[in-house]
Amino acid sequence: MYSDKTNSELIEILDQHSLLTFEAQLSLQEELQKRAVVVDLSGLETTIANRLTQINNLEYLKDFGFQANRTVDGLTVTRTKKALLTDVLAIMVGLFVFLLGIYGCINLVFAFINGEELDVFTLAYKFAMAGLVFIGISFFSGLQRLFDFYGFELNKSNGSVSLKKRFDVKLEELRINPAEIHLDAEEDILSLKLGHQTIFTSNSGNLIQTLTLKELAKELKA
């Protein structure tokens, strides 16, 4: 990533290391060490160490709407309240936009039926209003997430793993064989799976999320 940079350019980037992604920070550290550049790396190393600690503590599960609570006996993963609220708000906004789009469609149809003379701006506005139907529908993905993960709980206690999740309609609780838990990468999606069933997914292009899911899978299988 930084092989084409001069040493002085690397030092300038080092001064701004807190603004870099985790992957870029690791690459910068590796490049500086490879070149044996004489510079204080303590700030960068501390930042990376803190990130790794947060990854090991599963703190970044919140990036895709979950949280891990550790106990003496094990850990429990649930949906965050913030994620639930976000899904509810998405549904409300989506419904409002969808209804505006329906009104726009009706208005556009009646404009043609009544033979109204429309200038380009007015016609574009009416089409835009009608197009809100599709934007509103896109917000309804929150409804799917809300339904899928309402009551969700992934629990490990005394070596036993259980999962509460809606795979069809009914909320089911399954006892899991830890050996069946694995990660599956497909295009830009990384999935934590139980056999063929997906527990939840993350962005495989995000190093922090990838390492977080790997850490979670390791703890569940341990």
Protein backbone atom coordinates (compact mmCIF):
# COMPACT_ATOMS: atom_id res chain seq x y z
CA MET A 1 0.00 0.00 0.00
CA TYR A 2 2.87 2.38 0.81
CA SER A 3 5.68 0.89 -1.25
CA ASP A 4 5.71 3.88 -3.62
CA LYS A 5 6.05 6.43 -0.79
CA THR A 6 9.33 8.00 0.29
CA ASN A 7 10.49 7.77 3.90
CA SER A 8 9.61 11.40 4.53
CA GLU A 9 6.13 10.84 3.11
CA LEU A 10 5.67 7.82 5.37
CA ILE A 11 6.64 9.92 8.39
CA GLU A 12 4.09 12.56 7.39
CA ILE A 13 1.43 9.84 7.12
CA LEU A 14 2.53 8.47 10.50
CA ASP A 15 1.74 11.83 12.08
CA GLN A 16 -1.87 11.38 10.88
CA HIS A 17 -2.13 7.66 11.63
CA SER A 18 -5.25 8.07 13.78
CA LEU A 19 -7.19 9.06 10.64
CA LEU A 20 -6.25 5.86 8.79
CA THR A 21 -8.25 2.66 8.56
CA PHE A 22 -7.02 -0.27 10.63
CA GLU A 23 -5.76 -2.04 7.52
CA ALA A 24 -3.84 1.09 6.47
CA GLN A 25 -2.33 1.39 9.96
CA LEU A 26 -1.07 -2.20 9.81
CA SER A 27 0.38 -1.61 6.33
CA LEU A 28 2.08 1.58 7.47
CA GLN A 29 3.63 -0.17 10.47
CA GLU A 30 4.85 -3.03 8.30
CA GLU A 31 6.39 -0.67 5.71
CA LEU A 32 8.18 1.45 8.32
CA GLN A 33 9.59 -1.63 10.05
CA LYS A 34 10.67 -3.20 6.76
CA ARG A 35 12.60 -0.07 5.81
CA ALA A 36 13.99 0.31 9.35
CA VAL A 37 13.02 3.98 9.34
CA VAL A 38 14.25 5.67 12.51
CA VAL A 39 11.03 7.13 13.91
CA ASP A 40 8.91 6.83 17.04
CA LEU A 41 6.25 4.18 16.36
CA SER A 42 4.84 4.07 19.90
CA GLY A 43 1.70 6.06 19.02
CA LEU A 44 0.90 3.85 16.03
CA GLU A 45 1.66 0.66 17.96
CA THR A 46 -0.57 1.76 20.83
CA THR A 47 -3.43 2.54 18.42
CA ILE A 48 -3.09 -0.87 16.76
CA ALA A 49 -2.88 -2.64 20.13
CA ASN A 50 -6.05 -0.87 21.30
CA ARG A 51 -7.86 -1.87 18.12
CA LEU A 52 -6.81 -5.50 18.57
CA THR A 53 -8.02 -5.44 22.18
CA GLN A 54 -11.40 -4.09 21.05
CA ILE A 55 -11.58 -6.79 18.37
CA ASN A 56 -10.79 -9.52 20.92
CA ASN A 57 -13.45 -8.06 23.22
CA LEU A 58 -15.96 -8.26 20.32
CA GLU A 59 -16.71 -4.54 20.66
CA TYR A 60 -16.99 -4.12 16.89
CA LEU A 61 -20.01 -6.40 16.71
CA LYS A 62 -21.90 -3.14 17.18
CA ASP A 63 -20.82 -2.12 13.66
CA PHE A 64 -23.37 -4.59 12.29
CA GLY A 65 -25.95 -4.23 15.03
CA PHE A 66 -24.97 -6.70 17.75
CA GLN A 67 -23.36 -6.69 21.16
CA ALA A 68 -21.54 -9.30 23.23
CA ASN A 69 -21.96 -9.52 26.99
CA ARG A 70 -19.41 -11.72 28.74
CA THR A 71 -20.18 -13.58 31.94
CA VAL A 72 -18.21 -15.93 34.16
CA ASP A 73 -19.77 -18.90 32.35
CA GLY A 74 -19.48 -17.63 28.77
CA LEU A 75 -20.98 -14.94 26.57
CA THR A 76 -24.29 -13.79 25.11
CA VAL A 77 -24.72 -11.98 21.77
CA THR A 78 -27.89 -9.94 21.24
CA ARG A 79 -29.17 -7.23 18.91
CA THR A 80 -28.34 -3.71 20.09
CA LYS A 81 -31.15 -1.32 21.02
CA LYS A 82 -29.66 1.21 18.61
CA ALA A 83 -29.97 -1.26 15.73
CA LEU A 84 -33.58 -2.05 16.64
CA LEU A 85 -34.40 1.67 16.80
CA THR A 86 -32.67 2.24 13.45
CA ASP A 87 -34.79 -0.51 11.85
CA VAL A 88 -38.00 0.95 13.30
CA LEU A 89 -37.11 4.45 12.05
CA ALA A 90 -36.23 3.04 8.62
CA ILE A 91 -39.65 1.40 8.44
CA MET A 92 -41.43 4.62 9.45
CA VAL A 93 -39.47 6.75 6.98
CA GLY A 94 -39.93 4.12 4.27
CA LEU A 95 -43.68 4.03 4.82
CA PHE A 96 -43.91 7.83 4.65
CA VAL A 97 -41.83 8.01 1.46
CA PHE A 98 -43.77 5.10 -0.06
CA LEU A 99 -47.11 6.86 0.56
CA LEU A 100 -45.73 10.04 -1.00
CA GLY A 101 -44.73 7.95 -4.01
CA ILE A 102 -48.22 6.45 -4.27
CA TYR A 103 -49.68 9.96 -4.20
CA GLY A 104 -47.17 10.95 -6.90
CA CYS A 105 -48.17 7.98 -9.07
CA ILE A 106 -51.87 8.82 -8.76
CA ASN A 107 -51.15 12.47 -9.51
CA LEU A 108 -49.10 11.55 -12.58
CA VAL A 109 -51.77 9.21 -13.93
CA PHE A 110 -54.52 11.79 -13.54
CA ALA A 111 -52.33 14.38 -15.24
CA PHE A 112 -52.19 12.21 -18.36
CA ILE A 113 -55.87 11.18 -18.14
CA ASN A 114 -56.97 14.79 -17.90
CA GLY A 115 -54.68 15.83 -20.74
CA GLU A 116 -52.93 18.49 -18.70
CA GLU A 117 -50.33 20.56 -20.51
CA LEU A 118 -47.15 20.08 -18.52
CA ASP A 119 -43.84 21.88 -18.91
CA VAL A 120 -40.62 19.93 -18.60
CA PHE A 121 -40.02 20.98 -14.98
CA THR A 122 -43.52 20.01 -13.81
CA LEU A 123 -43.36 16.68 -15.64
CA ALA A 124 -39.95 15.91 -14.14
CA TYR A 125 -41.28 16.79 -10.69
CA LYS A 126 -44.29 14.48 -11.05
CA PHE A 127 -42.09 11.61 -12.24
CA ALA A 128 -39.73 12.22 -9.32
CA MET A 129 -42.64 12.10 -6.87
CA ALA A 130 -43.84 8.84 -8.42
CA GLY A 131 -40.31 7.44 -8.19
CA LEU A 132 -40.43 7.80 -4.42
CA VAL A 133 -42.34 4.50 -4.41
CA PHE A 134 -39.12 2.62 -5.17
CA ILE A 135 -37.10 4.61 -2.64
CA GLY A 136 -39.72 3.85 0.01
CA ILE A 137 -39.60 0.14 -0.78
CA SER A 138 -35.82 0.14 -0.27
CA PHE A 139 -36.33 1.30 3.32
CA PHE A 140 -38.47 -1.75 4.06
CA SER A 141 -35.32 -3.88 4.41
CA GLY A 142 -35.44 -2.69 8.02
CA LEU A 143 -38.70 -4.62 8.40
CA GLN A 144 -36.96 -7.83 7.35
CA ARG A 145 -34.09 -7.26 9.78
CA LEU A 146 -36.49 -6.33 12.59
CA PHE A 147 -38.46 -9.53 12.03
CA ASP A 148 -35.43 -11.79 11.61
CA PHE A 149 -33.63 -10.60 14.73
CA TYR A 150 -36.46 -9.78 17.13
CA GLY A 151 -35.70 -11.98 20.14
CA PHE A 152 -32.30 -12.99 18.74
CA GLU A 153 -29.84 -14.45 21.22
CA LEU A 154 -26.64 -16.38 20.65
CA ASN A 155 -25.43 -17.82 23.92
CA LYS A 156 -22.46 -19.86 25.12
CA SER A 157 -22.56 -21.10 28.69
CA ASN A 158 -20.36 -23.77 30.27
CA GLY A 159 -19.31 -25.04 26.86
CA SER A 160 -22.91 -25.34 25.59
CA VAL A 161 -24.02 -23.11 22.69
CA SER A 162 -27.62 -22.16 21.90
CA LEU A 163 -29.27 -19.88 19.36
CA LYS A 164 -32.62 -18.09 19.37
CA LYS A 165 -33.55 -16.86 15.89
CA ARG A 166 -36.45 -16.73 13.44
CA PHE A 167 -35.46 -18.94 10.53
CA ASP A 168 -39.02 -19.03 9.15
CA VAL A 169 -41.76 -17.33 11.18
CA LYS A 170 -41.58 -18.80 14.66
CA LEU A 171 -38.80 -17.86 17.07
CA GLU A 172 -36.81 -21.06 17.57
CA GLU A 173 -34.20 -22.02 20.13
CA LEU A 174 -31.58 -24.44 18.89
CA ARG A 175 -28.88 -26.31 20.74
CA ILE A 176 -25.77 -26.01 18.65
CA ASN A 177 -22.89 -28.36 18.08
CA PRO A 178 -19.94 -25.90 18.14
CA ALA A 179 -18.24 -27.93 15.42
CA GLU A 180 -21.00 -26.84 13.00
CA ILE A 181 -20.19 -23.14 13.44
CA HIS A 182 -18.08 -21.75 10.61
CA LEU A 183 -17.43 -18.65 8.50
CA ASP A 184 -18.38 -18.46 4.85
CA ALA A 185 -17.17 -15.72 2.48
CA GLU A 186 -19.11 -14.99 -0.70
CA GLU A 187 -18.24 -11.91 -2.77
CA ASP A 188 -18.26 -9.03 -0.26
CA ILE A 189 -20.31 -10.81 2.40
CA LEU A 190 -18.83 -12.73 5.33
CA SER A 191 -21.35 -14.97 7.09
CA LEU A 192 -21.28 -16.65 10.46
CA LYS A 193 -23.10 -19.92 9.83
CA LEU A 194 -24.56 -22.85 11.69
CA GLY A 195 -24.38 -25.63 9.14
CA HIS A 196 -26.26 -24.19 6.15
CA GLN A 197 -28.16 -21.61 8.24
CA THR A 198 -26.83 -18.04 8.41
CA ILE A 199 -26.68 -16.56 11.91
CA PHE A 200 -25.71 -13.08 10.70
CA THR A 201 -23.47 -11.40 8.14
CA SER A 202 -20.87 -8.64 7.86
CA ASN A 203 -18.78 -6.87 5.24
CA SER A 204 -15.86 -9.13 4.25
CA GLY A 205 -14.04 -6.11 2.81
CA ASN A 206 -13.80 -4.60 6.31
CA LEU A 207 -10.78 -6.06 8.13
CA ILE A 208 -12.07 -5.16 11.60
CA GLN A 209 -15.43 -6.85 11.00
CA THR A 210 -13.71 -9.89 9.51
CA LEU A 211 -11.38 -10.28 12.50
CA THR A 212 -14.28 -9.70 14.89
CA LEU A 213 -16.35 -12.49 13.35
CA LYS A 214 -13.31 -14.78 13.37
CA GLU A 215 -12.80 -14.06 17.06
CA LEU A 216 -16.49 -14.73 17.80
CA ALA A 217 -16.40 -18.01 15.87
CA LYS A 218 -13.24 -19.03 17.74
CA GLU A 219 -14.81 -18.31 21.13
CA LEU A 220 -17.99 -20.22 20.28
CA LYS A 221 -16.02 -23.23 19.07
CA ALA A 222 -13.53 -23.21 21.98
